[in-house]
């Protein structure tokens, strides 16, 4: 028997409140979150949702979103190509 698990995920980088340092977070959205997101195809709509639902951040620098809505796969890539490196550095720091 096979099961397919579909996750609606947003990877976020931004400044947290205290100390004001760059951090990263991955968010797995529920079906309730997806209903309140608005149009997942519209990057501005996703950004508005993040502004009101990511209280750990004082400001969001960039995000990457990956959604599966019905048979449609929607991806909003990082705006800045350095953002992916910052996300990786924050989530998986080197052990130096």
C-alpha atoms as a PDB file:
ATOM      1  CA  UNK A   1       0.000   0.000   0.000  1.00  0.00           C
ATOM      2  CA  UNK A   2       1.315   3.448  -0.942  1.00  0.00           C
ATOM      3  CA  UNK A   3       0.541   6.816   0.539  1.00  0.00           C
ATOM      4  CA  UNK A   4       1.361  10.177  -0.944  1.00  0.00           C
ATOM      5  CA  UNK A   5       1.861  13.056   1.422  1.00  0.00           C
ATOM      6  CA  UNK A   6       1.566  16.525  -0.058  1.00  0.00           C
ATOM      7  CA  UNK A   7       2.960  19.446   1.906  1.00  0.00           C
ATOM      8  CA  UNK A   8       2.446  23.116   1.272  1.00  0.00           C
ATOM      9  CA  UNK A   9       5.761  24.638   2.332  1.00  0.00           C
ATOM     10  CA  UNK A  10       7.201  28.133   2.604  1.00  0.00           C
ATOM     11  CA  UNK A  11      10.878  28.716   3.432  1.00  0.00           C
ATOM     12  CA  UNK A  12      11.475  32.148   4.977  1.00  0.00           C
ATOM     13  CA  UNK A  13      14.524  34.252   5.830  1.00  0.00           C
ATOM     14  CA  UNK A  14      14.407  37.481   7.788  1.00  0.00           C
ATOM     15  CA  UNK A  15      15.365  39.359  10.935  1.00  0.00           C
ATOM     16  CA  UNK A  16      14.022  38.133  14.256  1.00  0.00           C
ATOM     17  CA  UNK A  17      13.122  40.452  17.126  1.00  0.00           C
ATOM     18  CA  UNK A  18      15.858  39.852  19.704  1.00  0.00           C
ATOM     19  CA  UNK A  19      18.693  39.811  18.875  1.00  0.00           C
ATOM     20  CA  UNK A  20      18.043  41.423  15.506  1.00  0.00           C
ATOM     21  CA  UNK A  21      19.810  38.674  13.575  1.00  0.00           C
ATOM     22  CA  UNK A  22      19.120  36.921  10.270  1.00  0.00           C
ATOM     23  CA  UNK A  23      17.268  33.629  10.772  1.00  0.00           C
ATOM     24  CA  UNK A  24      15.409  31.067   8.693  1.00  0.00           C
ATOM     25  CA  UNK A  25      12.285  28.984   9.136  1.00  0.00           C
ATOM     26  CA  UNK A  26      10.316  26.412   7.140  1.00  0.00           C
ATOM     27  CA  UNK A  27       6.555  26.605   7.453  1.00  0.00           C
ATOM     28  CA  UNK A  28       4.238  23.720   6.581  1.00  0.00           C
ATOM     29  CA  UNK A  29       0.824  25.194   5.860  1.00  0.00           C
ATOM     30  CA  UNK A  30      -2.414  23.488   6.851  1.00  0.00           C
ATOM     31  CA  UNK A  31      -5.518  23.416   4.662  1.00  0.00           C
ATOM     32  CA  UNK A  32      -6.884  26.245   6.842  1.00  0.00           C
ATOM     33  CA  UNK A  33      -3.763  28.313   6.127  1.00  0.00           C
ATOM     34  CA  UNK A  34      -4.137  27.655   2.388  1.00  0.00           C
ATOM     35  CA  UNK A  35      -7.759  28.856   2.482  1.00  0.00           C
ATOM     36  CA  UNK A  36      -6.689  32.105   4.179  1.00  0.00           C
ATOM     37  CA  UNK A  37      -3.658  32.598   1.938  1.00  0.00           C
ATOM     38  CA  UNK A  38      -5.697  33.979  -0.933  1.00  0.00           C
ATOM     39  CA  UNK A  39      -4.447  33.209  -4.426  1.00  0.00           C
ATOM     40  CA  UNK A  40      -1.365  30.943  -4.085  1.00  0.00           C
ATOM     41  CA  UNK A  41      -0.356  31.821  -7.668  1.00  0.00           C
ATOM     42  CA  UNK A  42       0.090  35.471  -6.670  1.00  0.00           C
ATOM     43  CA  UNK A  43       3.440  36.092  -4.923  1.00  0.00           C
ATOM     44  CA  UNK A  44       2.115  39.335  -3.378  1.00  0.00           C
ATOM     45  CA  UNK A  45      -0.759  37.413  -1.789  1.00  0.00           C
ATOM     46  CA  UNK A  46       1.691  34.934  -0.233  1.00  0.00           C
ATOM     47  CA  UNK A  47       3.836  37.830   0.994  1.00  0.00           C
ATOM     48  CA  UNK A  48       0.809  39.513   2.639  1.00  0.00           C
ATOM     49  CA  UNK A  49      -0.045  36.249   4.408  1.00  0.00           C
ATOM     50  CA  UNK A  50       3.539  35.938   5.667  1.00  0.00           C
ATOM     51  CA  UNK A  51       3.484  39.510   6.995  1.00  0.00           C
ATOM     52  CA  UNK A  52       0.529  38.652   9.247  1.00  0.00           C
ATOM     53  CA  UNK A  53       1.398  35.056  10.196  1.00  0.00           C
ATOM     54  CA  UNK A  54       5.124  35.012  10.970  1.00  0.00           C
ATOM     55  CA  UNK A  55       5.309  36.789  14.310  1.00  0.00           C
ATOM     56  CA  UNK A  56       8.794  35.448  15.054  1.00  0.00           C
ATOM     57  CA  UNK A  57      10.192  37.816  12.423  1.00  0.00           C
ATOM     58  CA  UNK A  58      10.359  41.606  12.663  1.00  0.00           C
ATOM     59  CA  UNK A  59      10.888  41.713   8.892  1.00  0.00           C
ATOM     60  CA  UNK A  60      10.982  39.159   6.097  1.00  0.00           C
ATOM     61  CA  UNK A  61      13.847  39.496   3.638  1.00  0.00           C
ATOM     62  CA  UNK A  62      12.809  36.799   1.150  1.00  0.00           C
ATOM     63  CA  UNK A  63      10.877  33.544   0.815  1.00  0.00           C
ATOM     64  CA  UNK A  64      10.432  30.487  -1.363  1.00  0.00           C
ATOM     65  CA  UNK A  65       7.012  28.823  -1.590  1.00  0.00           C
ATOM     66  CA  UNK A  66       6.100  25.395  -2.970  1.00  0.00           C
ATOM     67  CA  UNK A  67       2.381  24.565  -3.280  1.00  0.00           C
ATOM     68  CA  UNK A  68       0.337  21.741  -4.782  1.00  0.00           C
ATOM     69  CA  UNK A  69      -3.197  22.932  -5.483  1.00  0.00           C
ATOM     70  CA  UNK A  70      -5.234  20.223  -7.166  1.00  0.00           C
ATOM     71  CA  UNK A  71      -3.169  19.089 -10.141  1.00  0.00           C
ATOM     72  CA  UNK A  72      -1.214  22.353 -10.265  1.00  0.00           C
ATOM     73  CA  UNK A  73       2.310  22.724  -8.874  1.00  0.00           C
ATOM     74  CA  UNK A  74       3.083  26.337  -7.923  1.00  0.00           C
ATOM     75  CA  UNK A  75       6.604  27.473  -7.022  1.00  0.00           C
ATOM     76  CA  UNK A  76       7.679  30.975  -6.045  1.00  0.00           C
ATOM     77  CA  UNK A  77      11.478  30.973  -6.083  1.00  0.00           C
ATOM     78  CA  UNK A  78      13.756  33.215  -4.063  1.00  0.00           C
ATOM     79  CA  UNK A  79      13.874  36.799  -5.419  1.00  0.00           C
ATOM     80  CA  UNK A  80      17.595  37.079  -4.663  1.00  0.00           C
ATOM     81  CA  UNK A  81      19.890  34.199  -5.589  1.00  0.00           C
ATOM     82  CA  UNK A  82      21.880  34.704  -2.352  1.00  0.00           C
ATOM     83  CA  UNK A  83      18.739  33.998  -0.296  1.00  0.00           C
ATOM     84  CA  UNK A  84      19.010  30.239  -0.832  1.00  0.00           C
ATOM     85  CA  UNK A  85      22.574  30.282   0.569  1.00  0.00           C
ATOM     86  CA  UNK A  86      21.474  32.388   3.557  1.00  0.00           C
ATOM     87  CA  UNK A  87      18.602  29.962   4.199  1.00  0.00           C
ATOM     88  CA  UNK A  88      20.953  26.962   4.061  1.00  0.00           C
ATOM     89  CA  UNK A  89      23.531  28.662   6.315  1.00  0.00           C
ATOM     90  CA  UNK A  90      20.870  29.499   8.917  1.00  0.00           C
ATOM     91  CA  UNK A  91      19.129  26.119   8.859  1.00  0.00           C
ATOM     92  CA  UNK A  92      22.243  23.936   8.541  1.00  0.00           C
ATOM     93  CA  UNK A  93      25.228  25.816   9.992  1.00  0.00           C
ATOM     94  CA  UNK A  94      28.730  24.450   9.528  1.00  0.00           C
ATOM     95  CA  UNK A  95      30.413  22.927  12.559  1.00  0.00           C
ATOM     96  CA  UNK A  96      33.503  25.142  12.518  1.00  0.00           C
END
